């Protein structure tokens, strides 16, 4: 058995809705499929960001002020 779908009500900007309907028609897909794919991609990007944060968790913290001072002393600012 496949994943269970849940019904949700969302409100889209009228122009976005029109564009989404057109894209769905051109691709012979449903609006729900397009929205599900977009949300999956957004969550996948979030998961990648969280993994990157985890990988860098043990790096030393550098305060913004110290970074600006370092860039200025290094001649980059």
PDB file of N, CA and C in Angstrom:
ATOM      1  N   UNK A   1       0.843  -1.176   0.000  1.00  0.00           N
ATOM      2  CA  UNK A   1       0.000   0.000   0.000  1.00  0.00           C
ATOM      3  C   UNK A   1       0.890   1.243   0.000  1.00  0.00           C
ATOM      4  N   UNK A   2       0.564   2.250  -0.790  1.00  0.00           N
ATOM      5  CA  UNK A   2       1.351   3.476  -0.896  1.00  0.00           C
ATOM      6  C   UNK A   2       1.113   4.398   0.275  1.00  0.00           C
ATOM      7  N   UNK A   3       1.819   5.531   0.273  1.00  0.00           N
ATOM      8  CA  UNK A   3       1.641   6.489   1.365  1.00  0.00           C
ATOM      9  C   UNK A   3       0.224   7.063   1.376  1.00  0.00           C
ATOM     10  N   UNK A   4      -0.247   7.348   2.558  1.00  0.00           N
ATOM     11  CA  UNK A   4      -1.584   7.913   2.723  1.00  0.00           C
ATOM     12  C   UNK A   4      -1.521   9.407   2.438  1.00  0.00           C
ATOM     13  N   UNK A   5      -2.447   9.886   1.635  1.00  0.00           N
ATOM     14  CA  UNK A   5      -2.510  11.316   1.331  1.00  0.00           C
ATOM     15  C   UNK A   5      -3.415  12.002   2.339  1.00  0.00           C
ATOM     16  N   UNK A   6      -3.066  13.228   2.685  1.00  0.00           N
ATOM     17  CA  UNK A   6      -3.878  14.046   3.578  1.00  0.00           C
ATOM     18  C   UNK A   6      -4.356  15.258   2.796  1.00  0.00           C
ATOM     19  N   UNK A   7      -5.553  15.657   3.041  1.00  0.00           N
ATOM     20  CA  UNK A   7      -6.128  16.818   2.366  1.00  0.00           C
ATOM     21  C   UNK A   7      -5.754  18.068   3.153  1.00  0.00           C
ATOM     22  N   UNK A   8      -5.391  19.133   2.435  1.00  0.00           N
ATOM     23  CA  UNK A   8      -5.055  20.410   3.069  1.00  0.00           C
ATOM     24  C   UNK A   8      -5.598  21.544   2.202  1.00  0.00           C
ATOM     25  N   UNK A   9      -5.957  22.608   2.850  1.00  0.00           N
ATOM     26  CA  UNK A   9      -6.394  23.795   2.126  1.00  0.00           C
ATOM     27  C   UNK A   9      -5.267  24.807   2.172  1.00  0.00           C
ATOM     28  N   UNK A  10      -4.836  25.277   0.998  1.00  0.00           N
ATOM     29  CA  UNK A  10      -3.819  26.316   0.935  1.00  0.00           C
ATOM     30  C   UNK A  10      -4.362  27.456   0.088  1.00  0.00           C
ATOM     31  N   UNK A  11      -3.874  28.632   0.330  1.00  0.00           N
ATOM     32  CA  UNK A  11      -4.296  29.800  -0.430  1.00  0.00           C
ATOM     33  C   UNK A  11      -3.094  30.311  -1.210  1.00  0.00           C
ATOM     34  N   UNK A  12      -3.258  30.395  -2.527  1.00  0.00           N
ATOM     35  CA  UNK A  12      -2.190  30.842  -3.404  1.00  0.00           C
ATOM     36  C   UNK A  12      -2.531  32.197  -3.988  1.00  0.00           C
ATOM     37  N   UNK A  13      -1.508  32.965  -4.256  1.00  0.00           N
ATOM     38  CA  UNK A  13      -1.682  34.184  -5.023  1.00  0.00           C
ATOM     39  C   UNK A  13      -2.350  33.802  -6.348  1.00  0.00           C
ATOM     40  N   UNK A  14      -3.284  34.606  -6.823  1.00  0.00           N
ATOM     41  CA  UNK A  14      -4.055  34.261  -8.019  1.00  0.00           C
ATOM     42  C   UNK A  14      -3.155  33.998  -9.231  1.00  0.00           C
ATOM     43  N   UNK A  15      -2.136  34.825  -9.420  1.00  0.00           N
ATOM     44  CA  UNK A  15      -1.236  34.627 -10.557  1.00  0.00           C
ATOM     45  C   UNK A  15      -0.422  33.350 -10.416  1.00  0.00           C
ATOM     46  N   UNK A  16       0.007  33.029  -9.183  1.00  0.00           N
ATOM     47  CA  UNK A  16       0.730  31.777  -8.959  1.00  0.00           C
ATOM     48  C   UNK A  16      -0.170  30.578  -9.246  1.00  0.00           C
ATOM     49  N   UNK A  17      -1.421  30.676  -8.839  1.00  0.00           N
ATOM     50  CA  UNK A  17      -2.358  29.590  -9.094  1.00  0.00           C
ATOM     51  C   UNK A  17      -2.547  29.374 -10.593  1.00  0.00           C
ATOM     52  N   UNK A  18      -2.687  30.455 -11.329  1.00  0.00           N
ATOM     53  CA  UNK A  18      -2.830  30.355 -12.787  1.00  0.00           C
ATOM     54  C   UNK A  18      -1.600  29.704 -13.408  1.00  0.00           C
ATOM     55  N   UNK A  19      -0.424  30.155 -12.999  1.00  0.00           N
ATOM     56  CA  UNK A  19       0.817  29.586 -13.526  1.00  0.00           C
ATOM     57  C   UNK A  19       0.936  28.116 -13.165  1.00  0.00           C
ATOM     58  N   UNK A  20       0.554  27.766 -11.954  1.00  0.00           N
ATOM     59  CA  UNK A  20       0.626  26.380 -11.507  1.00  0.00           C
ATOM     60  C   UNK A  20      -0.338  25.497 -12.302  1.00  0.00           C
ATOM     61  N   UNK A  21      -1.548  25.990 -12.551  1.00  0.00           N
ATOM     62  CA  UNK A  21      -2.506  25.235 -13.363  1.00  0.00           C
ATOM     63  C   UNK A  21      -1.967  25.019 -14.773  1.00  0.00           C
ATOM     64  N   UNK A  22      -1.353  26.056 -15.332  1.00  0.00           N
ATOM     65  CA  UNK A  22      -0.806  25.950 -16.688  1.00  0.00           C
ATOM     66  C   UNK A  22       0.337  24.933 -16.724  1.00  0.00           C
ATOM     67  N   UNK A  23       1.221  24.994 -15.736  1.00  0.00           N
ATOM     68  CA  UNK A  23       2.348  24.066 -15.686  1.00  0.00           C
ATOM     69  C   UNK A  23       1.844  22.633 -15.525  1.00  0.00           C
ATOM     70  N   UNK A  24       0.857  22.442 -14.676  1.00  0.00           N
ATOM     71  CA  UNK A  24       0.285  21.111 -14.474  1.00  0.00           C
ATOM     72  C   UNK A  24      -0.308  20.576 -15.775  1.00  0.00           C
ATOM     73  N   UNK A  25      -0.995  21.429 -16.509  1.00  0.00           N
ATOM     74  CA  UNK A  25      -1.597  20.997 -17.770  1.00  0.00           C
ATOM     75  C   UNK A  25      -0.528  20.639 -18.802  1.00  0.00           C
ATOM     76  N   UNK A  26       0.506  21.481 -18.910  1.00  0.00           N
ATOM     77  CA  UNK A  26       1.576  21.239 -19.878  1.00  0.00           C
ATOM     78  C   UNK A  26       2.311  19.942 -19.564  1.00  0.00           C
ATOM     79  N   UNK A  27       2.517  19.678 -18.290  1.00  0.00           N
ATOM     80  CA  UNK A  27       3.254  18.476 -17.879  1.00  0.00           C
ATOM     81  C   UNK A  27       2.347  17.263 -17.670  1.00  0.00           C
ATOM     82  N   UNK A  28       1.044  17.435 -17.891  1.00  0.00           N
ATOM     83  CA  UNK A  28       0.063  16.368 -17.687  1.00  0.00           C
ATOM     84  C   UNK A  28       0.198  15.770 -16.285  1.00  0.00           C
ATOM     85  N   UNK A  29       0.263  16.667 -15.300  1.00  0.00           N
ATOM     86  CA  UNK A  29       0.362  16.282 -13.897  1.00  0.00           C
ATOM     87  C   UNK A  29      -0.680  17.062 -13.121  1.00  0.00           C
ATOM     88  N   UNK A  30      -0.908  16.672 -11.891  1.00  0.00           N
ATOM     89  CA  UNK A  30      -1.856  17.403 -11.058  1.00  0.00           C
ATOM     90  C   UNK A  30      -1.131  18.518 -10.300  1.00  0.00           C
ATOM     91  N   UNK A  31      -1.907  19.491  -9.895  1.00  0.00           N
ATOM     92  CA  UNK A  31      -1.351  20.557  -9.058  1.00  0.00           C
ATOM     93  C   UNK A  31      -0.804  19.956  -7.769  1.00  0.00           C
ATOM     94  N   UNK A  32      -1.489  18.985  -7.210  1.00  0.00           N
ATOM     95  CA  UNK A  32      -1.024  18.335  -5.988  1.00  0.00           C
ATOM     96  C   UNK A  32       0.353  17.714  -6.179  1.00  0.00           C
ATOM     97  N   UNK A  33       0.570  17.053  -7.320  1.00  0.00           N
ATOM     98  CA  UNK A  33       1.884  16.466  -7.590  1.00  0.00           C
ATOM     99  C   UNK A  33       2.969  17.536  -7.626  1.00  0.00           C
ATOM    100  N   UNK A  34       2.678  18.643  -8.298  1.00  0.00           N
ATOM    101  CA  UNK A  34       3.666  19.719  -8.387  1.00  0.00           C
ATOM    102  C   UNK A  34       3.966  20.313  -7.017  1.00  0.00           C
ATOM    103  N   UNK A  35       2.923  20.535  -6.222  1.00  0.00           N
ATOM    104  CA  UNK A  35       3.117  21.109  -4.887  1.00  0.00           C
ATOM    105  C   UNK A  35       3.874  20.130  -4.000  1.00  0.00           C
ATOM    106  N   UNK A  36       3.517  18.848  -4.054  1.00  0.00           N
ATOM    107  CA  UNK A  36       4.235  17.844  -3.262  1.00  0.00           C
ATOM    108  C   UNK A  36       5.712  17.808  -3.638  1.00  0.00           C
ATOM    109  N   UNK A  37       6.022  17.843  -4.935  1.00  0.00           N
ATOM    110  CA  UNK A  37       7.420  17.843  -5.368  1.00  0.00           C
ATOM    111  C   UNK A  37       8.164  19.077  -4.870  1.00  0.00           C
ATOM    112  N   UNK A  38       7.507  20.237  -4.927  1.00  0.00           N
ATOM    113  CA  UNK A  38       8.145  21.478  -4.474  1.00  0.00           C
ATOM    114  C   UNK A  38       8.418  21.432  -2.969  1.00  0.00           C
ATOM    115  N   UNK A  39       7.471  20.921  -2.206  1.00  0.00           N
ATOM    116  CA  UNK A  39       7.652  20.831  -0.754  1.00  0.00           C
ATOM    117  C   UNK A  39       8.747  19.826  -0.422  1.00  0.00           C
ATOM    118  N   UNK A  40       8.757  18.681  -1.126  1.00  0.00           N
ATOM    119  CA  UNK A  40       9.822  17.698  -0.904  1.00  0.00           C
ATOM    120  C   UNK A  40      11.195  18.309  -1.164  1.00  0.00           C
ATOM    121  N   UNK A  41      11.321  19.067  -2.250  1.00  0.00           N
ATOM    122  CA  UNK A  41      12.603  19.692  -2.584  1.00  0.00           C
ATOM    123  C   UNK A  41      13.013  20.697  -1.505  1.00  0.00           C
ATOM    124  N   UNK A  42      12.065  21.477  -1.013  1.00  0.00           N
ATOM    125  CA  UNK A  42      12.353  22.442   0.046  1.00  0.00           C
ATOM    126  C   UNK A  42      12.848  21.722   1.301  1.00  0.00           C
ATOM    127  N   UNK A  43      12.177  20.633   1.678  1.00  0.00           N
ATOM    128  CA  UNK A  43      12.573  19.885   2.865  1.00  0.00           C
ATOM    129  C   UNK A  43      13.912  19.186   2.656  1.00  0.00           C
ATOM    130  N   UNK A  44      14.172  18.714   1.428  1.00  0.00           N
ATOM    131  CA  UNK A  44      15.468  18.084   1.119  1.00  0.00           C
ATOM    132  C   UNK A  44      16.596  19.111   1.300  1.00  0.00           C
ATOM    133  N   UNK A  45      16.370  20.333   0.826  1.00  0.00           N
ATOM    134  CA  UNK A  45      17.369  21.395   0.994  1.00  0.00           C
ATOM    135  C   UNK A  45      17.589  21.697   2.471  1.00  0.00           C
ATOM    136  N   UNK A  46      16.510  21.717   3.260  1.00  0.00           N
ATOM    137  CA  UNK A  46      16.643  21.933   4.700  1.00  0.00           C
ATOM    138  C   UNK A  46      17.470  20.825   5.340  1.00  0.00           C
ATOM    139  N   UNK A  47      17.224  19.576   4.920  1.00  0.00           N
ATOM    140  CA  UNK A  47      17.975  18.446   5.473  1.00  0.00           C
ATOM    141  C   UNK A  47      19.455  18.573   5.130  1.00  0.00           C
ATOM    142  N   UNK A  48      19.765  19.015   3.913  1.00  0.00           N
ATOM    143  CA  UNK A  48      21.163  19.222   3.532  1.00  0.00           C
ATOM    144  C   UNK A  48      21.804  20.319   4.376  1.00  0.00           C
ATOM    145  N   UNK A  49      21.066  21.406   4.605  1.00  0.00           N
ATOM    146  CA  UNK A  49      21.584  22.488   5.444  1.00  0.00           C
ATOM    147  C   UNK A  49      21.854  22.002   6.864  1.00  0.00           C
ATOM    148  N   UNK A  50      20.918  21.236   7.425  1.00  0.00           N
ATOM    149  CA  UNK A  50      21.102  20.725   8.787  1.00  0.00           C
ATOM    150  C   UNK A  50      22.300  19.793   8.860  1.00  0.00           C
ATOM    151  N   UNK A  51      22.497  18.973   7.826  1.00  0.00           N
ATOM    152  CA  UNK A  51      23.661  18.081   7.798  1.00  0.00           C
ATOM    153  C   UNK A  51      24.948  18.892   7.749  1.00  0.00           C
ATOM    154  N   UNK A  52      24.957  19.981   6.978  1.00  0.00           N
ATOM    155  CA  UNK A  52      26.144  20.838   6.899  1.00  0.00           C
ATOM    156  C   UNK A  52      26.432  21.476   8.255  1.00  0.00           C
ATOM    157  N   UNK A  53      25.393  21.905   8.963  1.00  0.00           N
ATOM    158  CA  UNK A  53      25.586  22.465  10.304  1.00  0.00           C
ATOM    159  C   UNK A  53      26.184  21.417  11.239  1.00  0.00           C
ATOM    160  N   UNK A  54      25.658  20.185  11.158  1.00  0.00           N
ATOM    161  CA  UNK A  54      26.178  19.107  12.009  1.00  0.00           C
ATOM    162  C   UNK A  54      27.648  18.836  11.710  1.00  0.00           C
ATOM    163  N   UNK A  55      28.022  18.839  10.429  1.00  0.00           N
ATOM    164  CA  UNK A  55      29.413  18.592  10.045  1.00  0.00           C
ATOM    165  C   UNK A  55      30.353  19.656  10.583  1.00  0.00           C
ATOM    166  N   UNK A  56      29.844  20.881  10.736  1.00  0.00           N
ATOM    167  CA  UNK A  56      30.688  21.987  11.168  1.00  0.00           C
ATOM    168  C   UNK A  56      30.527  22.299  12.650  1.00  0.00           C
ATOM    169  N   UNK A  57      29.815  21.466  13.381  1.00  0.00           N
ATOM    170  CA  UNK A  57      29.505  21.740  14.785  1.00  0.00           C
ATOM    171  C   UNK A  57      30.748  21.915  15.645  1.00  0.00           C
ATOM    172  N   UNK A  58      31.836  21.243  15.304  1.00  0.00           N
ATOM    173  CA  UNK A  58      33.042  21.304  16.140  1.00  0.00           C
ATOM    174  C   UNK A  58      34.039  22.371  15.694  1.00  0.00           C
ATOM    175  N   UNK A  59      33.683  23.143  14.681  1.00  0.00           N
ATOM    176  CA  UNK A  59      34.573  24.223  14.251  1.00  0.00           C
ATOM    177  C   UNK A  59      34.536  25.339  15.291  1.00  0.00           C
ATOM    178  N   UNK A  60      35.650  26.035  15.437  1.00  0.00           N
ATOM    179  CA  UNK A  60      35.655  27.125  16.427  1.00  0.00           C
ATOM    180  C   UNK A  60      34.714  28.256  16.020  1.00  0.00           C
ATOM    181  N   UNK A  61      34.130  28.866  17.016  1.00  0.00           N
ATOM    182  CA  UNK A  61      33.243  30.005  16.787  1.00  0.00           C
ATOM    183  C   UNK A  61      34.075  31.260  16.592  1.00  0.00           C
ATOM    184  N   UNK A  62      33.741  32.046  15.581  1.00  0.00           N
ATOM    185  CA  UNK A  62      34.397  33.332  15.352  1.00  0.00           C
ATOM    186  C   UNK A  62      33.309  34.390  15.369  1.00  0.00           C
ATOM    187  N   UNK A  63      33.424  35.341  16.268  1.00  0.00           N
ATOM    188  CA  UNK A  63      32.449  36.423  16.363  1.00  0.00           C
ATOM    189  C   UNK A  63      32.540  37.304  15.123  1.00  0.00           C
ATOM    190  N   UNK A  64      31.406  37.860  14.748  1.00  0.00           N
ATOM    191  CA  UNK A  64      31.345  38.735  13.576  1.00  0.00           C
ATOM    192  C   UNK A  64      32.360  39.871  13.683  1.00  0.00           C
ATOM    193  N   UNK A  65      32.420  40.499  14.832  1.00  0.00           N
ATOM    194  CA  UNK A  65      33.335  41.624  15.026  1.00  0.00           C
ATOM    195  C   UNK A  65      34.786  41.196  14.803  1.00  0.00           C
ATOM    196  N   UNK A  66      35.133  40.009  15.309  1.00  0.00           N
ATOM    197  CA  UNK A  66      36.492  39.506  15.117  1.00  0.00           C
ATOM    198  C   UNK A  66      36.778  39.220  13.648  1.00  0.00           C
ATOM    199  N   UNK A  67      35.781  38.711  12.925  1.00  0.00           N
ATOM    200  CA  UNK A  67      35.967  38.432  11.503  1.00  0.00           C
ATOM    201  C   UNK A  67      36.198  39.716  10.728  1.00  0.00           C
ATOM    202  N   UNK A  68      35.436  40.753  11.042  1.00  0.00           N
ATOM    203  CA  UNK A  68      35.612  42.040  10.360  1.00  0.00           C
ATOM    204  C   UNK A  68      37.004  42.591  10.645  1.00  0.00           C
ATOM    205  N   UNK A  69      37.439  42.506  11.901  1.00  0.00           N
ATOM    206  CA  UNK A  69      38.785  42.984  12.248  1.00  0.00           C
ATOM    207  C   UNK A  69      39.847  42.191  11.501  1.00  0.00           C
ATOM    208  N   UNK A  70      39.668  40.873  11.403  1.00  0.00           N
ATOM    209  CA  UNK A  70      40.629  40.027  10.707  1.00  0.00           C
ATOM    210  C   UNK A  70      40.687  40.372   9.220  1.00  0.00           C
ATOM    211  N   UNK A  71      39.502  40.576   8.605  1.00  0.00           N
ATOM    212  CA  UNK A  71      39.470  40.930   7.178  1.00  0.00           C
ATOM    213  C   UNK A  71      40.140  42.290   6.935  1.00  0.00           C
ATOM    214  N   UNK A  72      39.913  43.233   7.853  1.00  0.00           N
ATOM    215  CA  UNK A  72      40.518  44.539   7.702  1.00  0.00           C
ATOM    216  C   UNK A  72      42.058  44.456   7.867  1.00  0.00           C
ATOM    217  N   UNK A  73      42.505  43.717   8.863  1.00  0.00           N
ATOM    218  CA  UNK A  73      43.943  43.565   9.089  1.00  0.00           C
ATOM    219  C   UNK A  73      44.613  42.819   7.929  1.00  0.00           C
ATOM    220  N   UNK A  74      43.868  41.941   7.276  1.00  0.00           N
ATOM    221  CA  UNK A  74      44.400  41.158   6.160  1.00  0.00           C
ATOM    222  C   UNK A  74      44.353  41.947   4.854  1.00  0.00           C
ATOM    223  N   UNK A  75      43.772  43.163   4.895  1.00  0.00           N
ATOM    224  CA  UNK A  75      43.700  43.998   3.704  1.00  0.00           C
ATOM    225  C   UNK A  75      42.542  43.684   2.775  1.00  0.00           C
ATOM    226  N   UNK A  76      41.612  42.877   3.211  1.00  0.00           N
ATOM    227  CA  UNK A  76      40.478  42.518   2.360  1.00  0.00           C
ATOM    228  C   UNK A  76      39.320  43.498   2.446  1.00  0.00           C
ATOM    229  N   UNK A  77      39.384  44.376   3.440  1.00  0.00           N
ATOM    230  CA  UNK A  77      38.361  45.426   3.580  1.00  0.00           C
ATOM    231  C   UNK A  77      39.007  46.779   3.523  1.00  0.00           C
TER     232      UNK A  77
END
